């Protein structure tokens, strides 16, 4: 709905719950 965006994922490299396997290209 919004096209190309940028976002910051705080603590994503340490998180075991919030971003599980989400950031593979």
PDBML (XML) file of the C-alpha atoms, coordinates in Angstrom:
<?xml version="1.0" encoding="UTF-8" ?>
<PDBx:datablock datablockName="MODEL"
   xmlns:PDBx="http://pdbml.pdb.org/schema/pdbx-v50.xsd"
   xmlns:xsi="http://www.w3.org/2001/XMLSchema-instance"
   xsi:schemaLocation="http://pdbml.pdb.org/schema/pdbx-v50.xsd pdbx-v50.xsd">
   <PDBx:atom_siteCategory>
      <PDBx:atom_site id="1">
         <PDBx:B_iso_or_equiv>0.00</PDBx:B_iso_or_equiv>
         <PDBx:Cartn_x>0.000</PDBx:Cartn_x>
         <PDBx:Cartn_y>0.000</PDBx:Cartn_y>
         <PDBx:Cartn_z>0.000</PDBx:Cartn_z>
         <PDBx:auth_asym_id>A</PDBx:auth_asym_id>
         <PDBx:auth_atom_id>CA</PDBx:auth_atom_id>
         <PDBx:auth_comp_id>UNK</PDBx:auth_comp_id>
         <PDBx:auth_seq_id>1</PDBx:auth_seq_id>
         <PDBx:group_PDB>ATOM</PDBx:group_PDB>
         <PDBx:label_alt_id xsi:nil="true" />
         <PDBx:label_asym_id>A</PDBx:label_asym_id>
         <PDBx:label_atom_id>CA</PDBx:label_atom_id>
         <PDBx:label_comp_id>UNK</PDBx:label_comp_id>
         <PDBx:label_entity_id>1</PDBx:label_entity_id>
         <PDBx:label_seq_id>1</PDBx:label_seq_id>
         <PDBx:occupancy>1.00</PDBx:occupancy>
         <PDBx:pdbx_PDB_model_num>1</PDBx:pdbx_PDB_model_num>
         <PDBx:type_symbol>C</PDBx:type_symbol>
      </PDBx:atom_site>
      <PDBx:atom_site id="2">
         <PDBx:B_iso_or_equiv>0.00</PDBx:B_iso_or_equiv>
         <PDBx:Cartn_x>2.936</PDBx:Cartn_x>
         <PDBx:Cartn_y>2.406</PDBx:Cartn_y>
         <PDBx:Cartn_z>0.447</PDBx:Cartn_z>
         <PDBx:auth_asym_id>A</PDBx:auth_asym_id>
         <PDBx:auth_atom_id>CA</PDBx:auth_atom_id>
         <PDBx:auth_comp_id>UNK</PDBx:auth_comp_id>
         <PDBx:auth_seq_id>2</PDBx:auth_seq_id>
         <PDBx:group_PDB>ATOM</PDBx:group_PDB>
         <PDBx:label_alt_id xsi:nil="true" />
         <PDBx:label_asym_id>A</PDBx:label_asym_id>
         <PDBx:label_atom_id>CA</PDBx:label_atom_id>
         <PDBx:label_comp_id>UNK</PDBx:label_comp_id>
         <PDBx:label_entity_id>1</PDBx:label_entity_id>
         <PDBx:label_seq_id>2</PDBx:label_seq_id>
         <PDBx:occupancy>1.00</PDBx:occupancy>
         <PDBx:pdbx_PDB_model_num>1</PDBx:pdbx_PDB_model_num>
         <PDBx:type_symbol>C</PDBx:type_symbol>
      </PDBx:atom_site>
      <PDBx:atom_site id="3">
         <PDBx:B_iso_or_equiv>0.00</PDBx:B_iso_or_equiv>
         <PDBx:Cartn_x>5.702</PDBx:Cartn_x>
         <PDBx:Cartn_y>1.226</PDBx:Cartn_y>
         <PDBx:Cartn_z>-1.899</PDBx:Cartn_z>
         <PDBx:auth_asym_id>A</PDBx:auth_asym_id>
         <PDBx:auth_atom_id>CA</PDBx:auth_atom_id>
         <PDBx:auth_comp_id>UNK</PDBx:auth_comp_id>
         <PDBx:auth_seq_id>3</PDBx:auth_seq_id>
         <PDBx:group_PDB>ATOM</PDBx:group_PDB>
         <PDBx:label_alt_id xsi:nil="true" />
         <PDBx:label_asym_id>A</PDBx:label_asym_id>
         <PDBx:label_atom_id>CA</PDBx:label_atom_id>
         <PDBx:label_comp_id>UNK</PDBx:label_comp_id>
         <PDBx:label_entity_id>1</PDBx:label_entity_id>
         <PDBx:label_seq_id>3</PDBx:label_seq_id>
         <PDBx:occupancy>1.00</PDBx:occupancy>
         <PDBx:pdbx_PDB_model_num>1</PDBx:pdbx_PDB_model_num>
         <PDBx:type_symbol>C</PDBx:type_symbol>
      </PDBx:atom_site>
      <PDBx:atom_site id="4">
         <PDBx:B_iso_or_equiv>0.00</PDBx:B_iso_or_equiv>
         <PDBx:Cartn_x>9.403</PDBx:Cartn_x>
         <PDBx:Cartn_y>1.401</PDBx:Cartn_y>
         <PDBx:Cartn_z>-1.044</PDBx:Cartn_z>
         <PDBx:auth_asym_id>A</PDBx:auth_asym_id>
         <PDBx:auth_atom_id>CA</PDBx:auth_atom_id>
         <PDBx:auth_comp_id>UNK</PDBx:auth_comp_id>
         <PDBx:auth_seq_id>4</PDBx:auth_seq_id>
         <PDBx:group_PDB>ATOM</PDBx:group_PDB>
         <PDBx:label_alt_id xsi:nil="true" />
         <PDBx:label_asym_id>A</PDBx:label_asym_id>
         <PDBx:label_atom_id>CA</PDBx:label_atom_id>
         <PDBx:label_comp_id>UNK</PDBx:label_comp_id>
         <PDBx:label_entity_id>1</PDBx:label_entity_id>
         <PDBx:label_seq_id>4</PDBx:label_seq_id>
         <PDBx:occupancy>1.00</PDBx:occupancy>
         <PDBx:pdbx_PDB_model_num>1</PDBx:pdbx_PDB_model_num>
         <PDBx:type_symbol>C</PDBx:type_symbol>
      </PDBx:atom_site>
      <PDBx:atom_site id="5">
         <PDBx:B_iso_or_equiv>0.00</PDBx:B_iso_or_equiv>
         <PDBx:Cartn_x>10.074</PDBx:Cartn_x>
         <PDBx:Cartn_y>2.173</PDBx:Cartn_y>
         <PDBx:Cartn_z>2.624</PDBx:Cartn_z>
         <PDBx:auth_asym_id>A</PDBx:auth_asym_id>
         <PDBx:auth_atom_id>CA</PDBx:auth_atom_id>
         <PDBx:auth_comp_id>UNK</PDBx:auth_comp_id>
         <PDBx:auth_seq_id>5</PDBx:auth_seq_id>
         <PDBx:group_PDB>ATOM</PDBx:group_PDB>
         <PDBx:label_alt_id xsi:nil="true" />
         <PDBx:label_asym_id>A</PDBx:label_asym_id>
         <PDBx:label_atom_id>CA</PDBx:label_atom_id>
         <PDBx:label_comp_id>UNK</PDBx:label_comp_id>
         <PDBx:label_entity_id>1</PDBx:label_entity_id>
         <PDBx:label_seq_id>5</PDBx:label_seq_id>
         <PDBx:occupancy>1.00</PDBx:occupancy>
         <PDBx:pdbx_PDB_model_num>1</PDBx:pdbx_PDB_model_num>
         <PDBx:type_symbol>C</PDBx:type_symbol>
      </PDBx:atom_site>
      <PDBx:atom_site id="6">
         <PDBx:B_iso_or_equiv>0.00</PDBx:B_iso_or_equiv>
         <PDBx:Cartn_x>12.894</PDBx:Cartn_x>
         <PDBx:Cartn_y>2.139</PDBx:Cartn_y>
         <PDBx:Cartn_z>5.170</PDBx:Cartn_z>
         <PDBx:auth_asym_id>A</PDBx:auth_asym_id>
         <PDBx:auth_atom_id>CA</PDBx:auth_atom_id>
         <PDBx:auth_comp_id>UNK</PDBx:auth_comp_id>
         <PDBx:auth_seq_id>6</PDBx:auth_seq_id>
         <PDBx:group_PDB>ATOM</PDBx:group_PDB>
         <PDBx:label_alt_id xsi:nil="true" />
         <PDBx:label_asym_id>A</PDBx:label_asym_id>
         <PDBx:label_atom_id>CA</PDBx:label_atom_id>
         <PDBx:label_comp_id>UNK</PDBx:label_comp_id>
         <PDBx:label_entity_id>1</PDBx:label_entity_id>
         <PDBx:label_seq_id>6</PDBx:label_seq_id>
         <PDBx:occupancy>1.00</PDBx:occupancy>
         <PDBx:pdbx_PDB_model_num>1</PDBx:pdbx_PDB_model_num>
         <PDBx:type_symbol>C</PDBx:type_symbol>
      </PDBx:atom_site>
      <PDBx:atom_site id="7">
         <PDBx:B_iso_or_equiv>0.00</PDBx:B_iso_or_equiv>
         <PDBx:Cartn_x>12.546</PDBx:Cartn_x>
         <PDBx:Cartn_y>0.986</PDBx:Cartn_y>
         <PDBx:Cartn_z>8.735</PDBx:Cartn_z>
         <PDBx:auth_asym_id>A</PDBx:auth_asym_id>
         <PDBx:auth_atom_id>CA</PDBx:auth_atom_id>
         <PDBx:auth_comp_id>UNK</PDBx:auth_comp_id>
         <PDBx:auth_seq_id>7</PDBx:auth_seq_id>
         <PDBx:group_PDB>ATOM</PDBx:group_PDB>
         <PDBx:label_alt_id xsi:nil="true" />
         <PDBx:label_asym_id>A</PDBx:label_asym_id>
         <PDBx:label_atom_id>CA</PDBx:label_atom_id>
         <PDBx:label_comp_id>UNK</PDBx:label_comp_id>
         <PDBx:label_entity_id>1</PDBx:label_entity_id>
         <PDBx:label_seq_id>7</PDBx:label_seq_id>
         <PDBx:occupancy>1.00</PDBx:occupancy>
         <PDBx:pdbx_PDB_model_num>1</PDBx:pdbx_PDB_model_num>
         <PDBx:type_symbol>C</PDBx:type_symbol>
      </PDBx:atom_site>
      <PDBx:atom_site id="8">
         <PDBx:B_iso_or_equiv>0.00</PDBx:B_iso_or_equiv>
         <PDBx:Cartn_x>14.776</PDBx:Cartn_x>
         <PDBx:Cartn_y>0.548</PDBx:Cartn_y>
         <PDBx:Cartn_z>11.780</PDBx:Cartn_z>
         <PDBx:auth_asym_id>A</PDBx:auth_asym_id>
         <PDBx:auth_atom_id>CA</PDBx:auth_atom_id>
         <PDBx:auth_comp_id>UNK</PDBx:auth_comp_id>
         <PDBx:auth_seq_id>8</PDBx:auth_seq_id>
         <PDBx:group_PDB>ATOM</PDBx:group_PDB>
         <PDBx:label_alt_id xsi:nil="true" />
         <PDBx:label_asym_id>A</PDBx:label_asym_id>
         <PDBx:label_atom_id>CA</PDBx:label_atom_id>
         <PDBx:label_comp_id>UNK</PDBx:label_comp_id>
         <PDBx:label_entity_id>1</PDBx:label_entity_id>
         <PDBx:label_seq_id>8</PDBx:label_seq_id>
         <PDBx:occupancy>1.00</PDBx:occupancy>
         <PDBx:pdbx_PDB_model_num>1</PDBx:pdbx_PDB_model_num>
         <PDBx:type_symbol>C</PDBx:type_symbol>
      </PDBx:atom_site>
      <PDBx:atom_site id="9">
         <PDBx:B_iso_or_equiv>0.00</PDBx:B_iso_or_equiv>
         <PDBx:Cartn_x>14.488</PDBx:Cartn_x>
         <PDBx:Cartn_y>-2.686</PDBx:Cartn_y>
         <PDBx:Cartn_z>13.730</PDBx:Cartn_z>
         <PDBx:auth_asym_id>A</PDBx:auth_asym_id>
         <PDBx:auth_atom_id>CA</PDBx:auth_atom_id>
         <PDBx:auth_comp_id>UNK</PDBx:auth_comp_id>
         <PDBx:auth_seq_id>9</PDBx:auth_seq_id>
         <PDBx:group_PDB>ATOM</PDBx:group_PDB>
         <PDBx:label_alt_id xsi:nil="true" />
         <PDBx:label_asym_id>A</PDBx:label_asym_id>
         <PDBx:label_atom_id>CA</PDBx:label_atom_id>
         <PDBx:label_comp_id>UNK</PDBx:label_comp_id>
         <PDBx:label_entity_id>1</PDBx:label_entity_id>
         <PDBx:label_seq_id>9</PDBx:label_seq_id>
         <PDBx:occupancy>1.00</PDBx:occupancy>
         <PDBx:pdbx_PDB_model_num>1</PDBx:pdbx_PDB_model_num>
         <PDBx:type_symbol>C</PDBx:type_symbol>
      </PDBx:atom_site>
      <PDBx:atom_site id="10">
         <PDBx:B_iso_or_equiv>0.00</PDBx:B_iso_or_equiv>
         <PDBx:Cartn_x>15.841</PDBx:Cartn_x>
         <PDBx:Cartn_y>-1.937</PDBx:Cartn_y>
         <PDBx:Cartn_z>17.197</PDBx:Cartn_z>
         <PDBx:auth_asym_id>A</PDBx:auth_asym_id>
         <PDBx:auth_atom_id>CA</PDBx:auth_atom_id>
         <PDBx:auth_comp_id>UNK</PDBx:auth_comp_id>
         <PDBx:auth_seq_id>10</PDBx:auth_seq_id>
         <PDBx:group_PDB>ATOM</PDBx:group_PDB>
         <PDBx:label_alt_id xsi:nil="true" />
         <PDBx:label_asym_id>A</PDBx:label_asym_id>
         <PDBx:label_atom_id>CA</PDBx:label_atom_id>
         <PDBx:label_comp_id>UNK</PDBx:label_comp_id>
         <PDBx:label_entity_id>1</PDBx:label_entity_id>
         <PDBx:label_seq_id>10</PDBx:label_seq_id>
         <PDBx:occupancy>1.00</PDBx:occupancy>
         <PDBx:pdbx_PDB_model_num>1</PDBx:pdbx_PDB_model_num>
         <PDBx:type_symbol>C</PDBx:type_symbol>
      </PDBx:atom_site>
      <PDBx:atom_site id="11">
         <PDBx:B_iso_or_equiv>0.00</PDBx:B_iso_or_equiv>
         <PDBx:Cartn_x>17.682</PDBx:Cartn_x>
         <PDBx:Cartn_y>-4.830</PDBx:Cartn_y>
         <PDBx:Cartn_z>18.790</PDBx:Cartn_z>
         <PDBx:auth_asym_id>A</PDBx:auth_asym_id>
         <PDBx:auth_atom_id>CA</PDBx:auth_atom_id>
         <PDBx:auth_comp_id>UNK</PDBx:auth_comp_id>
         <PDBx:auth_seq_id>11</PDBx:auth_seq_id>
         <PDBx:group_PDB>ATOM</PDBx:group_PDB>
         <PDBx:label_alt_id xsi:nil="true" />
         <PDBx:label_asym_id>A</PDBx:label_asym_id>
         <PDBx:label_atom_id>CA</PDBx:label_atom_id>
         <PDBx:label_comp_id>UNK</PDBx:label_comp_id>
         <PDBx:label_entity_id>1</PDBx:label_entity_id>
         <PDBx:label_seq_id>11</PDBx:label_seq_id>
         <PDBx:occupancy>1.00</PDBx:occupancy>
         <PDBx:pdbx_PDB_model_num>1</PDBx:pdbx_PDB_model_num>
         <PDBx:type_symbol>C</PDBx:type_symbol>
      </PDBx:atom_site>
      <PDBx:atom_site id="12">
         <PDBx:B_iso_or_equiv>0.00</PDBx:B_iso_or_equiv>
         <PDBx:Cartn_x>16.766</PDBx:Cartn_x>
         <PDBx:Cartn_y>-7.118</PDBx:Cartn_y>
         <PDBx:Cartn_z>15.882</PDBx:Cartn_z>
         <PDBx:auth_asym_id>A</PDBx:auth_asym_id>
         <PDBx:auth_atom_id>CA</PDBx:auth_atom_id>
         <PDBx:auth_comp_id>UNK</PDBx:auth_comp_id>
         <PDBx:auth_seq_id>12</PDBx:auth_seq_id>
         <PDBx:group_PDB>ATOM</PDBx:group_PDB>
         <PDBx:label_alt_id xsi:nil="true" />
         <PDBx:label_asym_id>A</PDBx:label_asym_id>
         <PDBx:label_atom_id>CA</PDBx:label_atom_id>
         <PDBx:label_comp_id>UNK</PDBx:label_comp_id>
         <PDBx:label_entity_id>1</PDBx:label_entity_id>
         <PDBx:label_seq_id>12</PDBx:label_seq_id>
         <PDBx:occupancy>1.00</PDBx:occupancy>
         <PDBx:pdbx_PDB_model_num>1</PDBx:pdbx_PDB_model_num>
         <PDBx:type_symbol>C</PDBx:type_symbol>
      </PDBx:atom_site>
      <PDBx:atom_site id="13">
         <PDBx:B_iso_or_equiv>0.00</PDBx:B_iso_or_equiv>
         <PDBx:Cartn_x>20.103</PDBx:Cartn_x>
         <PDBx:Cartn_y>-8.938</PDBx:Cartn_y>
         <PDBx:Cartn_z>15.952</PDBx:Cartn_z>
         <PDBx:auth_asym_id>A</PDBx:auth_asym_id>
         <PDBx:auth_atom_id>CA</PDBx:auth_atom_id>
         <PDBx:auth_comp_id>UNK</PDBx:auth_comp_id>
         <PDBx:auth_seq_id>13</PDBx:auth_seq_id>
         <PDBx:group_PDB>ATOM</PDBx:group_PDB>
         <PDBx:label_alt_id xsi:nil="true" />
         <PDBx:label_asym_id>A</PDBx:label_asym_id>
         <PDBx:label_atom_id>CA</PDBx:label_atom_id>
         <PDBx:label_comp_id>UNK</PDBx:label_comp_id>
         <PDBx:label_entity_id>1</PDBx:label_entity_id>
         <PDBx:label_seq_id>13</PDBx:label_seq_id>
         <PDBx:occupancy>1.00</PDBx:occupancy>
         <PDBx:pdbx_PDB_model_num>1</PDBx:pdbx_PDB_model_num>
         <PDBx:type_symbol>C</PDBx:type_symbol>
      </PDBx:atom_site>
      <PDBx:atom_site id="14">
         <PDBx:B_iso_or_equiv>0.00</PDBx:B_iso_or_equiv>
         <PDBx:Cartn_x>19.486</PDBx:Cartn_x>
         <PDBx:Cartn_y>-9.946</PDBx:Cartn_y>
         <PDBx:Cartn_z>19.564</PDBx:Cartn_z>
         <PDBx:auth_asym_id>A</PDBx:auth_asym_id>
         <PDBx:auth_atom_id>CA</PDBx:auth_atom_id>
         <PDBx:auth_comp_id>UNK</PDBx:auth_comp_id>
         <PDBx:auth_seq_id>14</PDBx:auth_seq_id>
         <PDBx:group_PDB>ATOM</PDBx:group_PDB>
         <PDBx:label_alt_id xsi:nil="true" />
         <PDBx:label_asym_id>A</PDBx:label_asym_id>
         <PDBx:label_atom_id>CA</PDBx:label_atom_id>
         <PDBx:label_comp_id>UNK</PDBx:label_comp_id>
         <PDBx:label_entity_id>1</PDBx:label_entity_id>
         <PDBx:label_seq_id>14</PDBx:label_seq_id>
         <PDBx:occupancy>1.00</PDBx:occupancy>
         <PDBx:pdbx_PDB_model_num>1</PDBx:pdbx_PDB_model_num>
         <PDBx:type_symbol>C</PDBx:type_symbol>
      </PDBx:atom_site>
      <PDBx:atom_site id="15">
         <PDBx:B_iso_or_equiv>0.00</PDBx:B_iso_or_equiv>
         <PDBx:Cartn_x>15.742</PDBx:Cartn_x>
         <PDBx:Cartn_y>-10.563</PDBx:Cartn_y>
         <PDBx:Cartn_z>19.424</PDBx:Cartn_z>
         <PDBx:auth_asym_id>A</PDBx:auth_asym_id>
         <PDBx:auth_atom_id>CA</PDBx:auth_atom_id>
         <PDBx:auth_comp_id>UNK</PDBx:auth_comp_id>
         <PDBx:auth_seq_id>15</PDBx:auth_seq_id>
         <PDBx:group_PDB>ATOM</PDBx:group_PDB>
         <PDBx:label_alt_id xsi:nil="true" />
         <PDBx:label_asym_id>A</PDBx:label_asym_id>
         <PDBx:label_atom_id>CA</PDBx:label_atom_id>
         <PDBx:label_comp_id>UNK</PDBx:label_comp_id>
         <PDBx:label_entity_id>1</PDBx:label_entity_id>
         <PDBx:label_seq_id>15</PDBx:label_seq_id>
         <PDBx:occupancy>1.00</PDBx:occupancy>
         <PDBx:pdbx_PDB_model_num>1</PDBx:pdbx_PDB_model_num>
         <PDBx:type_symbol>C</PDBx:type_symbol>
      </PDBx:atom_site>
      <PDBx:atom_site id="16">
         <PDBx:B_iso_or_equiv>0.00</PDBx:B_iso_or_equiv>
         <PDBx:Cartn_x>14.620</PDBx:Cartn_x>
         <PDBx:Cartn_y>-14.197</PDBx:Cartn_y>
         <PDBx:Cartn_z>19.487</PDBx:Cartn_z>
         <PDBx:auth_asym_id>A</PDBx:auth_asym_id>
         <PDBx:auth_atom_id>CA</PDBx:auth_atom_id>
         <PDBx:auth_comp_id>UNK</PDBx:auth_comp_id>
         <PDBx:auth_seq_id>16</PDBx:auth_seq_id>
         <PDBx:group_PDB>ATOM</PDBx:group_PDB>
         <PDBx:label_alt_id xsi:nil="true" />
         <PDBx:label_asym_id>A</PDBx:label_asym_id>
         <PDBx:label_atom_id>CA</PDBx:label_atom_id>
         <PDBx:label_comp_id>UNK</PDBx:label_comp_id>
         <PDBx:label_entity_id>1</PDBx:label_entity_id>
         <PDBx:label_seq_id>16</PDBx:label_seq_id>
         <PDBx:occupancy>1.00</PDBx:occupancy>
         <PDBx:pdbx_PDB_model_num>1</PDBx:pdbx_PDB_model_num>
         <PDBx:type_symbol>C</PDBx:type_symbol>
      </PDBx:atom_site>
      <PDBx:atom_site id="17">
         <PDBx:B_iso_or_equiv>0.00</PDBx:B_iso_or_equiv>
         <PDBx:Cartn_x>10.890</PDBx:Cartn_x>
         <PDBx:Cartn_y>-13.476</PDBx:Cartn_y>
         <PDBx:Cartn_z>19.259</PDBx:Cartn_z>
         <PDBx:auth_asym_id>A</PDBx:auth_asym_id>
         <PDBx:auth_atom_id>CA</PDBx:auth_atom_id>
         <PDBx:auth_comp_id>UNK</PDBx:auth_comp_id>
         <PDBx:auth_seq_id>17</PDBx:auth_seq_id>
         <PDBx:group_PDB>ATOM</PDBx:group_PDB>
         <PDBx:label_alt_id xsi:nil="true" />
         <PDBx:label_asym_id>A</PDBx:label_asym_id>
         <PDBx:label_atom_id>CA</PDBx:label_atom_id>
         <PDBx:label_comp_id>UNK</PDBx:label_comp_id>
         <PDBx:label_entity_id>1</PDBx:label_entity_id>
         <PDBx:label_seq_id>17</PDBx:label_seq_id>
         <PDBx:occupancy>1.00</PDBx:occupancy>
         <PDBx:pdbx_PDB_model_num>1</PDBx:pdbx_PDB_model_num>
         <PDBx:type_symbol>C</PDBx:type_symbol>
      </PDBx:atom_site>
      <PDBx:atom_site id="18">
         <PDBx:B_iso_or_equiv>0.00</PDBx:B_iso_or_equiv>
         <PDBx:Cartn_x>10.031</PDBx:Cartn_x>
         <PDBx:Cartn_y>-10.236</PDBx:Cartn_y>
         <PDBx:Cartn_z>17.415</PDBx:Cartn_z>
         <PDBx:auth_asym_id>A</PDBx:auth_asym_id>
         <PDBx:auth_atom_id>CA</PDBx:auth_atom_id>
         <PDBx:auth_comp_id>UNK</PDBx:auth_comp_id>
         <PDBx:auth_seq_id>18</PDBx:auth_seq_id>
         <PDBx:group_PDB>ATOM</PDBx:group_PDB>
         <PDBx:label_alt_id xsi:nil="true" />
         <PDBx:label_asym_id>A</PDBx:label_asym_id>
         <PDBx:label_atom_id>CA</PDBx:label_atom_id>
         <PDBx:label_comp_id>UNK</PDBx:label_comp_id>
         <PDBx:label_entity_id>1</PDBx:label_entity_id>
         <PDBx:label_seq_id>18</PDBx:label_seq_id>
         <PDBx:occupancy>1.00</PDBx:occupancy>
         <PDBx:pdbx_PDB_model_num>1</PDBx:pdbx_PDB_model_num>
         <PDBx:type_symbol>C</PDBx:type_symbol>
      </PDBx:atom_site>
      <PDBx:atom_site id="19">
         <PDBx:B_iso_or_equiv>0.00</PDBx:B_iso_or_equiv>
         <PDBx:Cartn_x>11.752</PDBx:Cartn_x>
         <PDBx:Cartn_y>-10.862</PDBx:Cartn_y>
         <PDBx:Cartn_z>14.058</PDBx:Cartn_z>
         <PDBx:auth_asym_id>A</PDBx:auth_asym_id>
         <PDBx:auth_atom_id>CA</PDBx:auth_atom_id>
         <PDBx:auth_comp_id>UNK</PDBx:auth_comp_id>
         <PDBx:auth_seq_id>19</PDBx:auth_seq_id>
         <PDBx:group_PDB>ATOM</PDBx:group_PDB>
         <PDBx:label_alt_id xsi:nil="true" />
         <PDBx:label_asym_id>A</PDBx:label_asym_id>
         <PDBx:label_atom_id>CA</PDBx:label_atom_id>
         <PDBx:label_comp_id>UNK</PDBx:label_comp_id>
         <PDBx:label_entity_id>1</PDBx:label_entity_id>
         <PDBx:label_seq_id>19</PDBx:label_seq_id>
         <PDBx:occupancy>1.00</PDBx:occupancy>
         <PDBx:pdbx_PDB_model_num>1</PDBx:pdbx_PDB_model_num>
         <PDBx:type_symbol>C</PDBx:type_symbol>
      </PDBx:atom_site>
      <PDBx:atom_site id="20">
         <PDBx:B_iso_or_equiv>0.00</PDBx:B_iso_or_equiv>
         <PDBx:Cartn_x>12.259</PDBx:Cartn_x>
         <PDBx:Cartn_y>-14.619</PDBx:Cartn_y>
         <PDBx:Cartn_z>13.685</PDBx:Cartn_z>
         <PDBx:auth_asym_id>A</PDBx:auth_asym_id>
         <PDBx:auth_atom_id>CA</PDBx:auth_atom_id>
         <PDBx:auth_comp_id>UNK</PDBx:auth_comp_id>
         <PDBx:auth_seq_id>20</PDBx:auth_seq_id>
         <PDBx:group_PDB>ATOM</PDBx:group_PDB>
         <PDBx:label_alt_id xsi:nil="true" />
         <PDBx:label_asym_id>A</PDBx:label_asym_id>
         <PDBx:label_atom_id>CA</PDBx:label_atom_id>
         <PDBx:label_comp_id>UNK</PDBx:label_comp_id>
         <PDBx:label_entity_id>1</PDBx:label_entity_id>
         <PDBx:label_seq_id>20</PDBx:label_seq_id>
         <PDBx:occupancy>1.00</PDBx:occupancy>
         <PDBx:pdbx_PDB_model_num>1</PDBx:pdbx_PDB_model_num>
         <PDBx:type_symbol>C</PDBx:type_symbol>
      </PDBx:atom_site>
      <PDBx:atom_site id="21">
         <PDBx:B_iso_or_equiv>0.00</PDBx:B_iso_or_equiv>
         <PDBx:Cartn_x>13.651</PDBx:Cartn_x>
         <PDBx:Cartn_y>-15.316</PDBx:Cartn_y>
         <PDBx:Cartn_z>10.161</PDBx:Cartn_z>
         <PDBx:auth_asym_id>A</PDBx:auth_asym_id>
         <PDBx:auth_atom_id>CA</PDBx:auth_atom_id>
         <PDBx:auth_comp_id>UNK</PDBx:auth_comp_id>
         <PDBx:auth_seq_id>21</PDBx:auth_seq_id>
         <PDBx:group_PDB>ATOM</PDBx:group_PDB>
         <PDBx:label_alt_id xsi:nil="true" />
         <PDBx:label_asym_id>A</PDBx:label_asym_id>
         <PDBx:label_atom_id>CA</PDBx:label_atom_id>
         <PDBx:label_comp_id>UNK</PDBx:label_comp_id>
         <PDBx:label_entity_id>1</PDBx:label_entity_id>
         <PDBx:label_seq_id>21</PDBx:label_seq_id>
         <PDBx:occupancy>1.00</PDBx:occupancy>
         <PDBx:pdbx_PDB_model_num>1</PDBx:pdbx_PDB_model_num>
         <PDBx:type_symbol>C</PDBx:type_symbol>
      </PDBx:atom_site>
      <PDBx:atom_site id="22">
         <PDBx:B_iso_or_equiv>0.00</PDBx:B_iso_or_equiv>
         <PDBx:Cartn_x>12.092</PDBx:Cartn_x>
         <PDBx:Cartn_y>-12.075</PDBx:Cartn_y>
         <PDBx:Cartn_z>8.908</PDBx:Cartn_z>
         <PDBx:auth_asym_id>A</PDBx:auth_asym_id>
         <PDBx:auth_atom_id>CA</PDBx:auth_atom_id>
         <PDBx:auth_comp_id>UNK</PDBx:auth_comp_id>
         <PDBx:auth_seq_id>22</PDBx:auth_seq_id>
         <PDBx:group_PDB>ATOM</PDBx:group_PDB>
         <PDBx:label_alt_id xsi:nil="true" />
         <PDBx:label_asym_id>A</PDBx:label_asym_id>
         <PDBx:label_atom_id>CA</PDBx:label_atom_id>
         <PDBx:label_comp_id>UNK</PDBx:label_comp_id>
         <PDBx:label_entity_id>1</PDBx:label_entity_id>
         <PDBx:label_seq_id>22</PDBx:label_seq_id>
         <PDBx:occupancy>1.00</PDBx:occupancy>
         <PDBx:pdbx_PDB_model_num>1</PDBx:pdbx_PDB_model_num>
         <PDBx:type_symbol>C</PDBx:type_symbol>
      </PDBx:atom_site>
      <PDBx:atom_site id="23">
         <PDBx:B_iso_or_equiv>0.00</PDBx:B_iso_or_equiv>
         <PDBx:Cartn_x>15.031</PDBx:Cartn_x>
         <PDBx:Cartn_y>-10.294</PDBx:Cartn_y>
         <PDBx:Cartn_z>7.348</PDBx:Cartn_z>
         <PDBx:auth_asym_id>A</PDBx:auth_asym_id>
         <PDBx:auth_atom_id>CA</PDBx:auth_atom_id>
         <PDBx:auth_comp_id>UNK</PDBx:auth_comp_id>
         <PDBx:auth_seq_id>23</PDBx:auth_seq_id>
         <PDBx:group_PDB>ATOM</PDBx:group_PDB>
         <PDBx:label_alt_id xsi:nil="true" />
         <PDBx:label_asym_id>A</PDBx:label_asym_id>
         <PDBx:label_atom_id>CA</PDBx:label_atom_id>
         <PDBx:label_comp_id>UNK</PDBx:label_comp_id>
         <PDBx:label_entity_id>1</PDBx:label_entity_id>
         <PDBx:label_seq_id>23</PDBx:label_seq_id>
         <PDBx:occupancy>1.00</PDBx:occupancy>
         <PDBx:pdbx_PDB_model_num>1</PDBx:pdbx_PDB_model_num>
         <PDBx:type_symbol>C</PDBx:type_symbol>
      </PDBx:atom_site>
      <PDBx:atom_site id="24">
         <PDBx:B_iso_or_equiv>0.00</PDBx:B_iso_or_equiv>
         <PDBx:Cartn_x>16.313</PDBx:Cartn_x>
         <PDBx:Cartn_y>-12.741</PDBx:Cartn_y>
         <PDBx:Cartn_z>4.746</PDBx:Cartn_z>
         <PDBx:auth_asym_id>A</PDBx:auth_asym_id>
         <PDBx:auth_atom_id>CA</PDBx:auth_atom_id>
         <PDBx:auth_comp_id>UNK</PDBx:auth_comp_id>
         <PDBx:auth_seq_id>24</PDBx:auth_seq_id>
         <PDBx:group_PDB>ATOM</PDBx:group_PDB>
         <PDBx:label_alt_id xsi:nil="true" />
         <PDBx:label_asym_id>A</PDBx:label_asym_id>
         <PDBx:label_atom_id>CA</PDBx:label_atom_id>
         <PDBx:label_comp_id>UNK</PDBx:label_comp_id>
         <PDBx:label_entity_id>1</PDBx:label_entity_id>
         <PDBx:label_seq_id>24</PDBx:label_seq_id>
         <PDBx:occupancy>1.00</PDBx:occupancy>
         <PDBx:pdbx_PDB_model_num>1</PDBx:pdbx_PDB_model_num>
         <PDBx:type_symbol>C</PDBx:type_symbol>
      </PDBx:atom_site>
      <PDBx:atom_site id="25">
         <PDBx:B_iso_or_equiv>0.00</PDBx:B_iso_or_equiv>
         <PDBx:Cartn_x>16.334</PDBx:Cartn_x>
         <PDBx:Cartn_y>-11.034</PDBx:Cartn_y>
         <PDBx:Cartn_z>1.355</PDBx:Cartn_z>
         <PDBx:auth_asym_id>A</PDBx:auth_asym_id>
         <PDBx:auth_atom_id>CA</PDBx:auth_atom_id>
         <PDBx:auth_comp_id>UNK</PDBx:auth_comp_id>
         <PDBx:auth_seq_id>25</PDBx:auth_seq_id>
         <PDBx:group_PDB>ATOM</PDBx:group_PDB>
         <PDBx:label_alt_id xsi:nil="true" />
         <PDBx:label_asym_id>A</PDBx:label_asym_id>
         <PDBx:label_atom_id>CA</PDBx:label_atom_id>
         <PDBx:label_comp_id>UNK</PDBx:label_comp_id>
         <PDBx:label_entity_id>1</PDBx:label_entity_id>
         <PDBx:label_seq_id>25</PDBx:label_seq_id>
         <PDBx:occupancy>1.00</PDBx:occupancy>
         <PDBx:pdbx_PDB_model_num>1</PDBx:pdbx_PDB_model_num>
         <PDBx:type_symbol>C</PDBx:type_symbol>
      </PDBx:atom_site>
   </PDBx:atom_siteCategory>
</PDBx:datablock>
